[in-house]
Each structure stands twice: as structure tokens, then as C-alpha cells.
Amino acid sequence: MTIFWGEIWVLIIVATSLSMSGCATTLTSAKISPGEEKEYDYVADVTAAYRDIAGNIIICVTGKPAGANYWIPGNRNYTLNFPASSSPNLEVFYHKTIPQYLITMTDVKSGCPENQDDLMALPVLTVHARDFGNENYSGMSEGALTEFFETRAKAPAIYKFHYENKWTNIPSHLFNIVYVSDKPIRGKVNAVEITTAFRKVKGKPAYALLLPFAVVFDVVTFPVQLLFVLTYN
């Protein structure tokens, strides 16, 4: 059997692509069998929100849910669901007035509801942390928040609390999602932060169908990937 140098070069590229951290083939393989890997649900924006008859909250968002394949460009449409009717476990992290609910795997659904006949549409509103005494979400005044929720906040509604992220060398603008209810959620508190967090993801065997395309993608972009690795490692 005769092996040409061109074929050897292709084999080297494919083998290198398979071993490179962060390449499409590696990412796709990780989606097929993630093991103990944990990921978080990235939210780029909130597009709509609803409350069902039982009181559960459905928040339509764009972004990348945990387990999404990041080498495939573009944001996905999916929903974050707050099970208000089941006395969910809430934790006080930053503010007593806004306890947190950590999103679980069962709270993430694909697509925004098409049939909205039995759903109550909720307004999606924007406020800024600086309006409550601090540019950062964690530093907002508890008194200012209490006054806002008791006298001025619309309810039921979804609020995007925008704030400055100063934890990195490059400041950025982020937002947290807060649901304000027209009745108490816990004690006298009627607001809850609906928070994405790192969580385990299920394997997706169907991603095996993408492996051939991922390998081709890595072969074509190998020079760019190699340059990136040599530059940043």
C-alpha cells in the first residue's frame, strides 16, 4: 500500500485537531459524553415572559443553554422556568429582599411557548443598580430595594437589573433577572432573582452526527487554531 505525503499531512492535521483543547471535535465529543463536566446557561437577553394558571413563571431568553455546542455560531432561543407553585428552595446571597432561585436542568426548556392562550404575559422592564445606590448588583441598598418593591415596582413583572461587572480587568455590563410577584413569595418578600449556575448536563448521543462536520471544520481552520494556540500558550 502506497501512502502519499499529502495523505500523511491530512492524517497529522486530523490527529492534531482531535487532541487540541477547545476545537470543534473536542467540544462535540464532550457534548456526546460530558461525564462530570458542569456548565452554565448563558443568557444574552430576555425576549418575553409569562405566568401560567398555577403561578409558574416562563422566561423566554436568547443565549446558549448549558450543553450547547459553542463552535456552532449564533444564540439559541430557550426558556428559564421558575416553579413558583411548588415552594422552591430560595437562598439569600446578596440581598434579603431578593433571594435567589438557582435554575436546574428541569427548569430549562427549548423554545418559547407557541400556544399562549392559557398564559398571562408579563412585562419585561429594565432598572439599573446605580438607581439603588451602587454600580454593582451586590452593593445595592437594601432600604432602596425594599422601598422600590413595596411602592414603585410593577407586579407581576420581570425586571432586568443592569450593573457593572468590575471583577475582571475589562469592565462589562451584565444583568440579573428578577421576578416581582403581586403576592409574597417567601415571608413578606415578593421578589426573587432567577439565577443560572453551573450544573451537570446530560450527554447528547445525537451530536455524534456532527462529528464528521466538526473534523472537517477543524481541518479547514487548523492554521488559525494552531496560530491561536502558539500565540496564547
Protein backbone atom coordinates (compact mmCIF):
# COMPACT_ATOMS: atom_id res chain seq x y z
CA MET A 1 0.00 0.00 0.00
CA THR A 2 1.39 3.35 -1.03
CA ILE A 3 0.91 6.34 1.30
CA PHE A 4 1.49 9.78 -0.17
CA TRP A 5 2.87 12.67 1.90
CA GLY A 6 -0.30 14.60 1.25
CA GLU A 7 -2.33 11.86 2.92
CA ILE A 8 0.10 11.77 5.85
CA TRP A 9 -0.25 15.53 6.26
CA VAL A 10 -4.05 15.24 6.36
CA LEU A 11 -3.79 12.48 8.98
CA ILE A 12 -1.47 14.65 11.08
CA ILE A 13 -3.91 17.58 10.87
CA VAL A 14 -6.87 15.39 11.86
CA ALA A 15 -4.95 13.82 14.74
CA THR A 16 -3.80 17.21 15.94
CA SER A 17 -7.34 18.61 15.69
CA LEU A 18 -8.65 15.72 17.77
CA SER A 19 -6.16 16.49 20.53
CA MET A 20 -6.42 20.28 20.57
CA SER A 21 -8.27 21.75 23.54
CA GLY A 22 -11.19 23.96 22.50
CA CYS A 23 -11.51 22.71 18.91
CA ALA A 24 -14.82 21.73 17.36
CA THR A 25 -14.11 17.99 17.51
CA THR A 26 -13.23 18.10 21.20
CA LEU A 27 -16.26 20.23 22.03
CA THR A 28 -18.60 17.94 20.10
CA SER A 29 -17.13 14.84 21.76
CA ALA A 30 -17.68 16.45 25.16
CA LYS A 31 -21.34 17.02 24.33
CA ILE A 32 -21.81 13.35 23.45
CA SER A 33 -20.43 12.23 26.80
CA PRO A 34 -19.86 15.14 29.23
CA GLY A 35 -19.10 12.96 32.26
CA GLU A 36 -18.93 15.06 35.43
CA GLU A 37 -18.50 18.29 33.48
CA LYS A 38 -20.62 21.22 34.64
CA GLU A 39 -21.77 24.16 32.53
CA TYR A 40 -24.00 27.18 32.98
CA ASP A 41 -26.87 28.65 30.99
CA TYR A 42 -25.71 31.83 29.26
CA VAL A 43 -28.43 34.47 28.84
CA ALA A 44 -27.86 37.25 26.30
CA ASP A 45 -31.32 38.82 26.57
CA VAL A 46 -34.88 38.32 27.80
CA THR A 47 -37.42 38.46 24.98
CA ALA A 48 -40.73 37.71 26.77
CA ALA A 49 -42.18 36.31 29.98
CA TYR A 50 -45.40 34.57 31.03
CA ARG A 51 -47.16 33.19 34.11
CA ASP A 52 -49.29 30.08 33.83
CA ILE A 53 -52.52 29.30 35.68
CA ALA A 54 -50.63 27.57 38.52
CA GLY A 55 -48.39 30.60 39.01
CA ASN A 56 -45.23 29.22 37.44
CA ILE A 57 -43.05 31.68 35.54
CA ILE A 58 -41.78 31.11 32.00
CA ILE A 59 -39.00 33.43 30.82
CA CYS A 60 -38.11 33.37 27.12
CA VAL A 61 -34.44 34.15 26.56
CA THR A 62 -31.76 34.11 23.89
CA GLY A 63 -28.28 32.80 24.55
CA LYS A 64 -26.70 29.38 24.96
CA PRO A 65 -28.16 26.83 27.38
CA ALA A 66 -25.76 24.56 29.23
CA GLY A 67 -24.73 21.75 26.91
CA ALA A 68 -24.97 23.86 23.75
CA ASN A 69 -22.19 23.32 21.23
CA TYR A 70 -20.22 26.57 21.26
CA TRP A 71 -18.44 26.06 17.95
CA ILE A 72 -21.81 26.35 16.20
CA PRO A 73 -22.38 30.13 15.95
CA GLY A 74 -25.47 32.05 16.99
CA ASN A 75 -27.63 32.25 20.08
CA ARG A 76 -30.45 29.80 20.80
CA ASN A 77 -34.00 30.54 21.91
CA TYR A 78 -34.93 28.74 25.11
CA THR A 79 -36.80 29.30 28.38
CA LEU A 80 -35.97 29.50 32.08
CA ASN A 81 -38.82 28.27 34.26
CA PHE A 82 -39.41 29.31 37.88
CA PRO A 83 -41.66 26.74 39.65
CA ALA A 84 -43.43 29.26 41.88
CA SER A 85 -46.30 26.89 42.68
CA SER A 86 -44.06 24.25 44.34
CA SER A 87 -42.44 26.28 47.16
CA PRO A 88 -39.00 26.27 45.52
CA ASN A 89 -35.83 26.41 47.58
CA LEU A 90 -34.59 30.00 47.81
CA GLU A 91 -31.24 31.22 49.14
CA VAL A 92 -30.23 34.66 50.41
CA PHE A 93 -26.94 35.53 48.75
CA TYR A 94 -26.69 39.28 48.14
CA HIS A 95 -30.00 40.73 49.36
CA LYS A 96 -32.73 39.62 51.76
CA THR A 97 -35.20 41.47 49.55
CA ILE A 98 -34.17 39.40 46.51
CA PRO A 99 -33.46 35.76 47.46
CA GLN A 100 -32.05 33.58 44.70
CA TYR A 101 -33.52 30.62 42.90
CA LEU A 102 -30.86 28.52 41.15
CA ILE A 103 -32.01 27.14 37.80
CA THR A 104 -31.83 23.34 37.49
CA MET A 105 -31.78 21.06 34.47
CA THR A 106 -35.56 20.54 34.63
CA ASP A 107 -36.14 24.32 34.60
CA VAL A 108 -34.61 24.78 31.14
CA LYS A 109 -36.84 24.15 28.12
CA SER A 110 -36.37 24.69 24.40
CA GLY A 111 -38.22 27.43 22.57
CA CYS A 112 -40.75 30.00 23.71
CA PRO A 113 -44.36 28.73 24.15
CA GLU A 114 -46.24 28.85 20.85
CA ASN A 115 -49.67 28.48 22.42
CA GLN A 116 -50.11 31.35 24.88
CA ASP A 117 -53.90 31.11 25.36
CA ASP A 118 -53.62 29.98 28.99
CA LEU A 119 -50.64 32.19 29.80
CA MET A 120 -50.54 35.67 31.27
CA ALA A 121 -47.97 37.89 29.55
CA LEU A 122 -45.64 39.70 31.93
CA PRO A 123 -43.89 42.99 31.16
CA VAL A 124 -40.10 42.83 30.88
CA LEU A 125 -38.68 46.01 32.41
CA THR A 126 -35.21 47.42 32.97
CA VAL A 127 -33.65 49.10 36.01
CA HIS A 128 -30.03 49.87 36.92
CA ALA A 129 -28.10 49.03 40.06
CA ARG A 130 -26.91 52.64 40.25
CA ASP A 131 -30.52 53.68 40.89
CA PHE A 132 -30.25 51.75 44.17
CA GLY A 133 -27.04 53.30 45.43
CA ASN A 134 -24.27 51.29 43.75
CA GLU A 135 -22.96 50.44 40.27
CA ASN A 136 -22.65 46.80 41.33
CA TYR A 137 -25.58 44.46 41.96
CA SER A 138 -24.20 43.19 45.27
CA GLY A 139 -23.75 46.71 46.65
CA MET A 140 -27.32 47.94 46.12
CA SER A 141 -29.00 49.50 49.16
CA GLU A 142 -31.37 47.13 50.96
CA GLY A 143 -33.52 50.08 52.00
CA ALA A 144 -33.79 51.38 48.44
CA LEU A 145 -34.74 47.94 47.18
CA THR A 146 -37.38 47.50 49.88
CA GLU A 147 -38.93 50.87 49.05
CA PHE A 148 -38.90 50.04 45.33
CA PHE A 149 -40.61 46.65 45.69
CA GLU A 150 -43.20 47.97 48.16
CA THR A 151 -44.18 51.21 46.41
CA ARG A 152 -42.98 51.52 42.80
CA ALA A 153 -42.30 48.16 41.21
CA LYS A 154 -44.88 46.79 38.82
CA ALA A 155 -46.17 43.33 39.70
CA PRO A 156 -46.28 40.76 38.35
CA ALA A 157 -43.33 41.61 36.13
CA ILE A 158 -39.83 40.59 35.13
CA TYR A 159 -37.06 43.10 35.80
CA LYS A 160 -33.59 43.13 34.29
CA PHE A 161 -31.24 44.63 36.89
CA HIS A 162 -28.32 46.01 34.88
CA TYR A 163 -25.00 46.54 36.61
CA GLU A 164 -21.26 46.98 36.04
CA ASN A 165 -19.06 43.89 36.21
CA LYS A 166 -15.80 45.08 37.78
CA TRP A 167 -14.45 41.67 38.77
CA THR A 168 -12.32 41.40 35.62
CA ASN A 169 -9.68 43.61 34.01
CA ILE A 170 -12.17 44.52 31.29
CA PRO A 171 -15.34 46.06 32.82
CA SER A 172 -18.56 44.90 31.21
CA HIS A 173 -22.31 45.40 31.53
CA LEU A 174 -24.34 42.49 32.86
CA PHE A 175 -27.88 41.99 34.13
CA ASN A 176 -29.68 39.73 36.59
CA ILE A 177 -33.24 38.51 36.12
CA VAL A 178 -35.68 39.33 38.93
CA TYR A 179 -39.31 38.24 39.11
CA VAL A 180 -41.59 40.55 41.12
CA SER A 181 -44.82 38.89 42.22
CA ASP A 182 -48.11 40.52 43.15
CA LYS A 183 -48.14 38.39 46.33
CA PRO A 184 -45.44 37.25 48.78
CA ILE A 185 -43.07 34.54 47.58
CA ARG A 186 -41.38 33.88 50.92
CA GLY A 187 -42.41 35.64 54.13
CA LYS A 188 -43.05 39.25 53.16
CA VAL A 189 -40.65 39.12 50.21
CA ASN A 190 -42.30 39.37 46.80
CA ALA A 191 -39.19 39.34 44.57
CA VAL A 192 -36.80 36.57 43.57
CA GLU A 193 -33.66 36.53 41.46
CA ILE A 194 -33.78 33.74 38.88
CA THR A 195 -30.15 32.73 38.60
CA THR A 196 -28.27 30.44 36.24
CA ALA A 197 -25.46 28.45 37.84
CA PHE A 198 -23.03 25.69 36.94
CA ARG A 199 -24.87 22.38 36.72
CA LYS A 200 -24.34 18.92 35.29
CA VAL A 201 -25.56 18.34 31.76
CA LYS A 202 -26.82 15.18 30.08
CA GLY A 203 -24.98 13.57 27.21
CA LYS A 204 -26.40 14.07 23.72
CA PRO A 205 -25.66 10.98 21.57
CA ALA A 206 -27.24 12.68 18.56
CA TYR A 207 -24.23 15.02 18.47
CA ALA A 208 -22.29 12.05 17.01
CA LEU A 209 -23.87 13.03 13.69
CA LEU A 210 -21.95 16.32 13.88
CA LEU A 211 -18.54 14.71 14.39
CA PRO A 212 -17.68 14.40 10.67
CA PHE A 213 -18.53 18.09 10.17
CA ALA A 214 -16.54 19.03 13.26
CA VAL A 215 -13.47 17.18 11.95
CA VAL A 216 -13.78 18.92 8.56
CA PHE A 217 -14.18 22.27 10.34
CA ASP A 218 -11.00 21.61 12.35
CA VAL A 219 -9.07 20.57 9.25
CA VAL A 220 -10.07 23.72 7.38
CA THR A 221 -9.38 26.03 10.33
CA PHE A 222 -6.27 24.20 11.55
CA PRO A 223 -3.84 27.05 10.66
CA VAL A 224 -5.98 29.54 12.60
CA GLN A 225 -6.32 27.20 15.59
CA LEU A 226 -2.57 26.48 15.57
CA LEU A 227 -1.77 30.21 15.44
CA PHE A 228 -4.14 30.83 18.37
CA VAL A 229 -2.52 28.07 20.44
CA LEU A 230 1.01 29.31 19.69
CA THR A 231 0.01 32.89 20.49
CA TYR A 232 -1.84 32.33 23.77
CA ASN A 233 0.03 29.36 25.26
